[in-house]
Amino acid sequence: MATITPTALTATELADRLAEQIAPLRDLFHSGNANTATGSRVVHDSVKGLIKALRAGEIDPVVAQVRLIAINKRATFYNVRRITAGEIH
């Protein structure tokens, strides 16, 4: 079970943080590995939707965090990097 620690980031800050993390996934769109190519598109497009909703004020940052749990489950299935709402280490 995932534990959610609410982010202190504003919607705009979280959108920017997420955008930074998904940018490298575009390089994997044409990977020779079908799972990597598909997974990178699925995760990228799902997070892109969150970014748009955050910037439009349609969802709160904590709602985006909850949705990231499902996105990260798909990322794990495709063996693609996880996207986080917290600090990047």
C-alpha atoms as a PDB file:
ATOM      1  CA  MET A   1       0.000   0.000   0.000  1.00  0.00           C
ATOM      2  CA  ALA A   2       1.332   3.420  -0.918  1.00  0.00           C
ATOM      3  CA  THR A   3       1.606   6.141   1.676  1.00  0.00           C
ATOM      4  CA  ILE A   4       0.931   9.677   0.555  1.00  0.00           C
ATOM      5  CA  THR A   5       2.645  12.566   2.263  1.00  0.00           C
ATOM      6  CA  PRO A   6       0.884  15.652   0.913  1.00  0.00           C
ATOM      7  CA  THR A   7       3.223  17.809  -1.099  1.00  0.00           C
ATOM      8  CA  ALA A   8       3.927  21.378  -0.053  1.00  0.00           C
ATOM      9  CA  LEU A   9       4.277  22.335  -3.706  1.00  0.00           C
ATOM     10  CA  THR A  10       1.715  24.544  -5.414  1.00  0.00           C
ATOM     11  CA  ALA A  11      -0.088  23.186  -8.460  1.00  0.00           C
ATOM     12  CA  THR A  12       2.227  25.140 -10.769  1.00  0.00           C
ATOM     13  CA  GLU A  13       5.364  23.983  -8.952  1.00  0.00           C
ATOM     14  CA  LEU A  14       4.201  20.372  -9.054  1.00  0.00           C
ATOM     15  CA  ALA A  15       3.354  20.664 -12.755  1.00  0.00           C
ATOM     16  CA  ASP A  16       6.866  21.982 -13.416  1.00  0.00           C
ATOM     17  CA  ARG A  17       8.420  19.174 -11.336  1.00  0.00           C
ATOM     18  CA  LEU A  18       6.456  16.534 -13.214  1.00  0.00           C
ATOM     19  CA  ALA A  19       7.335  18.079 -16.581  1.00  0.00           C
ATOM     20  CA  GLU A  20      11.051  17.870 -15.702  1.00  0.00           C
ATOM     21  CA  GLN A  21      10.710  14.183 -14.926  1.00  0.00           C
ATOM     22  CA  ILE A  22       8.801  13.134 -18.039  1.00  0.00           C
ATOM     23  CA  ALA A  23      11.010  14.981 -20.523  1.00  0.00           C
ATOM     24  CA  PRO A  24      13.583  12.130 -20.717  1.00  0.00           C
ATOM     25  CA  LEU A  25      10.821   9.621 -21.498  1.00  0.00           C
ATOM     26  CA  ARG A  26      10.385  11.150 -24.966  1.00  0.00           C
ATOM     27  CA  ASP A  27      13.814   9.762 -25.874  1.00  0.00           C
ATOM     28  CA  LEU A  28      12.456   6.258 -25.266  1.00  0.00           C
ATOM     29  CA  PHE A  29       9.436   6.548 -27.587  1.00  0.00           C
ATOM     30  CA  HIS A  30      11.351   4.865 -30.408  1.00  0.00           C
ATOM     31  CA  SER A  31      13.223   2.342 -28.286  1.00  0.00           C
ATOM     32  CA  GLY A  32      13.989  -0.996 -29.895  1.00  0.00           C
ATOM     33  CA  ASN A  33      12.395  -2.631 -26.847  1.00  0.00           C
ATOM     34  CA  ALA A  34       8.622  -2.697 -27.371  1.00  0.00           C
ATOM     35  CA  ASN A  35       7.825  -2.610 -23.634  1.00  0.00           C
ATOM     36  CA  THR A  36      10.081   0.381 -23.081  1.00  0.00           C
ATOM     37  CA  ALA A  37       8.629   2.247 -26.058  1.00  0.00           C
ATOM     38  CA  THR A  38       5.037   1.535 -25.019  1.00  0.00           C
ATOM     39  CA  GLY A  39       5.656   2.173 -21.325  1.00  0.00           C
ATOM     40  CA  SER A  40       7.390   5.479 -21.921  1.00  0.00           C
ATOM     41  CA  ARG A  41       4.439   6.682 -24.020  1.00  0.00           C
ATOM     42  CA  VAL A  42       1.855   5.486 -21.494  1.00  0.00           C
ATOM     43  CA  VAL A  43       3.612   7.124 -18.550  1.00  0.00           C
ATOM     44  CA  HIS A  44       4.478  10.312 -20.476  1.00  0.00           C
ATOM     45  CA  ASP A  45       0.945  10.818 -21.767  1.00  0.00           C
ATOM     46  CA  SER A  46      -0.666  10.038 -18.402  1.00  0.00           C
ATOM     47  CA  VAL A  47       1.567  12.486 -16.551  1.00  0.00           C
ATOM     48  CA  LYS A  48       1.104  15.081 -19.310  1.00  0.00           C
ATOM     49  CA  GLY A  49      -2.631  14.935 -18.560  1.00  0.00           C
ATOM     50  CA  LEU A  50      -1.938  15.598 -14.881  1.00  0.00           C
ATOM     51  CA  ILE A  51       0.285  18.535 -15.778  1.00  0.00           C
ATOM     52  CA  LYS A  52      -2.440  20.097 -17.933  1.00  0.00           C
ATOM     53  CA  ALA A  53      -5.051  19.608 -15.198  1.00  0.00           C
ATOM     54  CA  LEU A  54      -2.753  21.096 -12.539  1.00  0.00           C
ATOM     55  CA  ARG A  55      -1.952  24.142 -14.664  1.00  0.00           C
ATOM     56  CA  ALA A  56      -5.641  24.665 -15.481  1.00  0.00           C
ATOM     57  CA  GLY A  57      -6.554  24.465 -11.789  1.00  0.00           C
ATOM     58  CA  GLU A  58      -8.778  21.451 -12.405  1.00  0.00           C
ATOM     59  CA  ILE A  59      -7.163  19.266  -9.715  1.00  0.00           C
ATOM     60  CA  ASP A  60      -5.303  19.839  -6.456  1.00  0.00           C
ATOM     61  CA  PRO A  61      -1.705  18.669  -6.015  1.00  0.00           C
ATOM     62  CA  VAL A  62      -2.725  15.928  -3.567  1.00  0.00           C
ATOM     63  CA  VAL A  63      -5.201  14.534  -6.135  1.00  0.00           C
ATOM     64  CA  ALA A  64      -2.364  14.463  -8.662  1.00  0.00           C
ATOM     65  CA  GLN A  65      -0.280  12.535  -6.132  1.00  0.00           C
ATOM     66  CA  VAL A  66      -3.015   9.912  -5.795  1.00  0.00           C
ATOM     67  CA  ARG A  67      -3.220   9.569  -9.571  1.00  0.00           C
ATOM     68  CA  LEU A  68       0.560   9.171  -9.714  1.00  0.00           C
ATOM     69  CA  ILE A  69       0.203   5.947  -7.728  1.00  0.00           C
ATOM     70  CA  ALA A  70      -1.737   4.328 -10.587  1.00  0.00           C
ATOM     71  CA  ILE A  71       0.611   5.790 -13.193  1.00  0.00           C
ATOM     72  CA  ASN A  72       3.618   4.416 -11.327  1.00  0.00           C
ATOM     73  CA  LYS A  73       2.044   0.957 -11.164  1.00  0.00           C
ATOM     74  CA  ARG A  74       1.889   1.036 -14.956  1.00  0.00           C
ATOM     75  CA  ALA A  75       5.474   2.328 -15.066  1.00  0.00           C
ATOM     76  CA  THR A  76       6.591  -0.642 -12.966  1.00  0.00           C
ATOM     77  CA  PHE A  77       4.784  -3.043 -15.305  1.00  0.00           C
ATOM     78  CA  TYR A  78       6.680  -1.619 -18.293  1.00  0.00           C
ATOM     79  CA  ASN A  79       9.921  -1.223 -16.311  1.00  0.00           C
ATOM     80  CA  VAL A  80       9.947   2.533 -16.902  1.00  0.00           C
ATOM     81  CA  ARG A  81      11.092   5.087 -14.325  1.00  0.00           C
ATOM     82  CA  ARG A  82       8.713   6.165 -11.598  1.00  0.00           C
ATOM     83  CA  ILE A  83       7.496   9.753 -11.442  1.00  0.00           C
ATOM     84  CA  THR A  84       7.371  11.439  -8.032  1.00  0.00           C
ATOM     85  CA  ALA A  85       5.731  14.513  -6.557  1.00  0.00           C
ATOM     86  CA  GLY A  86       8.520  14.947  -4.015  1.00  0.00           C
ATOM     87  CA  GLU A  87      12.116  15.977  -4.197  1.00  0.00           C
ATOM     88  CA  ILE A  88      14.191  14.485  -6.963  1.00  0.00           C
ATOM     89  CA  HIS A  89      17.232  12.710  -5.509  1.00  0.00           C
END
